[in-house]
Amino acid sequence: MLTFIRTNSENPHFQKLVTKLDAELKIRDGLDHAFYAQFNKIDTINEVIVAFEDDTAVGCGAFKSYSENCAEIKRMFVEESQRGKGIAGEILDQLEQWAQELNFTKCILETGINQPEAIRLYSKKGYQIITNYGQYANVENSVCFEKVL
C-alpha cells in the first residue's frame, strides 16, 4: 500500500532518494550537470513528500517558495523499479495540495529536454509550458512549466 509523509529536507529517506536522483541526472544532463546541480541544493527545502510502498521509500518531491503566491516544484524522483505505477503523479498531487494549504496559487517547475517522462507527466497533470524563468532563461535544454492551482 502506498503512503505519503510530509517532512523536510533533513529526512534521511528523502536524502537517499535525492542522491539517486542526482546520479541519474548526472548521466542525463551530461556536460550540463554542473550548471543544473547548483540550483538543486536541498538544505533550504522545508516542504518534502516521501512516498512509501509498505516500509520502503520509493519516491519523493518537494517545493519551495518562489514568490509570494508561487511555489517551485523541486526534486521529483521515483525509484526506477517503481516507475509506471502513477507514483510520481500522486506525489505531485500531494505537493499541489500542500502548496494550496499554504496559500500558493500557482506552481512552476523546470525540467530538462533529456527527461521526456517528466515532460509527459507535467503535461498530463495540467502544467503548461512557459518561457524559461529565472536562472533557466535562455537555457536551451530546460523546459519550464506552470500550473494555476
Protein backbone atom coordinates (compact mmCIF):
# COMPACT_ATOMS: atom_id res chain seq x y z
CA MET A 1 0.00 0.00 0.00
CA LEU A 2 1.30 3.44 -0.98
CA THR A 3 1.51 6.05 1.79
CA PHE A 4 2.94 9.56 1.91
CA ILE A 5 4.59 11.58 4.63
CA ARG A 6 5.16 15.30 4.83
CA THR A 7 8.63 16.14 6.05
CA ASN A 8 11.58 18.39 5.24
CA SER A 9 14.97 18.05 3.59
CA GLU A 10 16.54 16.61 6.75
CA ASN A 11 14.59 13.37 6.25
CA PRO A 12 17.11 10.54 5.59
CA HIS A 13 14.76 8.76 3.14
CA PHE A 14 14.49 11.96 1.10
CA GLN A 15 18.25 12.46 1.18
CA LYS A 16 18.86 8.89 -0.05
CA LEU A 17 16.36 9.30 -2.89
CA VAL A 18 17.87 12.65 -3.90
CA THR A 19 21.32 11.03 -4.08
CA LYS A 20 19.88 8.53 -6.57
CA LEU A 21 18.15 11.34 -8.47
CA ASP A 22 21.39 13.30 -8.74
CA ALA A 23 23.25 10.23 -10.03
CA GLU A 24 20.60 9.73 -12.73
CA LEU A 25 20.60 13.42 -13.67
CA LYS A 26 24.39 13.42 -13.97
CA ILE A 27 24.02 10.87 -16.76
CA ARG A 28 21.02 12.54 -18.42
CA ASP A 29 22.39 16.08 -18.21
CA GLY A 30 25.90 15.18 -19.36
CA LEU A 31 28.13 18.23 -19.63
CA ASP A 32 25.31 20.49 -18.35
CA HIS A 33 25.07 18.69 -15.00
CA ALA A 34 27.25 21.10 -13.02
CA PHE A 35 25.12 24.04 -14.18
CA TYR A 36 21.86 22.40 -13.05
CA ALA A 37 23.29 20.92 -9.85
CA GLN A 38 23.95 24.35 -8.39
CA PHE A 39 20.18 25.00 -8.34
CA ASN A 40 19.25 21.67 -6.75
CA LYS A 41 20.57 22.11 -3.24
CA ILE A 42 18.13 20.75 -0.67
CA ASP A 43 19.25 22.45 2.54
CA THR A 44 16.57 25.16 2.36
CA ILE A 45 13.61 22.97 1.40
CA ASN A 46 11.01 22.71 4.16
CA GLU A 47 8.19 21.03 2.22
CA VAL A 48 9.01 17.47 1.17
CA ILE A 49 6.79 14.50 0.34
CA VAL A 50 8.21 10.98 0.58
CA ALA A 51 6.19 8.09 -0.85
CA PHE A 52 6.43 4.65 0.76
CA GLU A 53 5.44 1.25 -0.54
CA ASP A 54 4.95 -0.61 2.72
CA ASP A 55 8.07 0.47 4.67
CA THR A 56 10.27 1.26 1.68
CA ALA A 57 10.74 4.82 0.40
CA VAL A 58 10.06 4.69 -3.34
CA GLY A 59 9.70 8.32 -4.40
CA CYS A 60 9.87 11.95 -3.40
CA GLY A 61 9.15 15.50 -4.39
CA ALA A 62 9.38 18.91 -2.81
CA PHE A 63 8.54 22.54 -3.24
CA LYS A 64 9.82 25.86 -2.04
CA SER A 65 8.54 29.39 -2.24
CA TYR A 66 9.49 31.12 -5.48
CA SER A 67 7.46 34.26 -4.83
CA GLU A 68 4.62 35.32 -2.57
CA ASN A 69 1.96 33.26 -4.38
CA CYS A 70 4.12 30.85 -6.38
CA ALA A 71 5.69 27.55 -5.30
CA GLU A 72 8.50 25.91 -7.25
CA ILE A 73 8.33 22.12 -7.54
CA LYS A 74 11.73 20.51 -6.97
CA ARG A 75 13.45 17.12 -6.60
CA MET A 76 10.80 14.84 -8.14
CA PHE A 77 12.03 11.26 -8.25
CA VAL A 78 10.67 7.70 -8.27
CA GLU A 79 12.84 4.58 -7.96
CA GLU A 80 13.34 3.06 -11.41
CA SER A 81 11.75 -0.25 -10.34
CA GLN A 82 8.61 1.62 -9.25
CA ARG A 83 8.07 3.76 -12.35
CA GLY A 84 4.96 3.42 -14.46
CA LYS A 85 2.69 2.92 -11.44
CA GLY A 86 1.46 6.52 -11.14
CA ILE A 87 3.54 7.28 -8.05
CA ALA A 88 5.05 10.49 -9.46
CA GLY A 89 1.58 11.80 -10.29
CA GLU A 90 0.39 11.07 -6.77
CA ILE A 91 3.43 12.82 -5.28
CA LEU A 92 2.72 15.83 -7.48
CA ASP A 93 -0.93 15.85 -6.36
CA GLN A 94 0.22 15.81 -2.73
CA LEU A 95 2.65 18.67 -3.33
CA GLU A 96 -0.01 20.78 -5.03
CA GLN A 97 -2.49 20.17 -2.22
CA TRP A 98 0.09 21.18 0.40
CA ALA A 99 1.04 24.29 -1.61
CA GLN A 100 -2.63 25.31 -1.73
CA GLU A 101 -2.90 24.84 2.03
CA LEU A 102 -0.02 27.32 2.36
CA ASN A 103 -1.90 29.82 0.12
CA PHE A 104 0.15 29.39 -3.02
CA THR A 105 -1.97 29.92 -6.13
CA LYS A 106 0.47 28.69 -8.74
CA CYS A 107 3.28 26.15 -9.17
CA ILE A 108 6.22 26.44 -11.52
CA LEU A 109 8.98 23.99 -12.30
CA GLU A 110 11.90 23.27 -14.56
CA THR A 111 12.83 20.00 -16.18
CA GLY A 112 15.15 19.08 -19.00
CA ILE A 113 14.68 18.03 -22.58
CA ASN A 114 16.51 14.81 -21.65
CA GLN A 115 13.69 13.90 -19.25
CA PRO A 116 10.79 13.12 -21.62
CA GLU A 117 8.97 11.11 -18.92
CA ALA A 118 8.86 14.21 -16.73
CA ILE A 119 7.64 16.39 -19.59
CA ARG A 120 4.82 13.90 -20.27
CA LEU A 121 3.89 13.76 -16.58
CA TYR A 122 3.67 17.52 -16.15
CA SER A 123 1.70 17.95 -19.38
CA LYS A 124 -0.71 15.20 -18.32
CA LYS A 125 -1.18 16.85 -14.90
CA GLY A 126 -2.25 20.17 -16.44
CA TYR A 127 1.03 22.07 -16.48
CA GLN A 128 1.59 24.45 -19.38
CA ILE A 129 4.96 25.21 -20.94
CA ILE A 130 6.09 28.76 -20.19
CA THR A 131 9.04 30.92 -21.09
CA ASN A 132 12.05 29.75 -19.11
CA TYR A 133 12.23 31.66 -15.84
CA GLY A 134 14.98 32.90 -13.54
CA GLN A 135 18.27 31.05 -13.84
CA TYR A 136 16.83 28.89 -16.65
CA ALA A 137 16.17 31.82 -19.01
CA ASN A 138 18.00 31.27 -22.30
CA VAL A 139 19.00 27.70 -21.30
CA GLU A 140 18.20 25.59 -24.37
CA ASN A 141 17.99 22.26 -22.54
CA SER A 142 15.48 23.49 -19.95
CA VAL A 143 11.71 23.24 -20.24
CA CYS A 144 9.71 25.30 -17.75
CA PHE A 145 6.09 24.76 -16.77
CA GLU A 146 3.41 26.39 -14.64
CA LYS A 147 0.02 25.41 -13.29
CA VAL A 148 -2.58 27.59 -11.64
CA LEU A 149 -3.86 25.76 -8.57
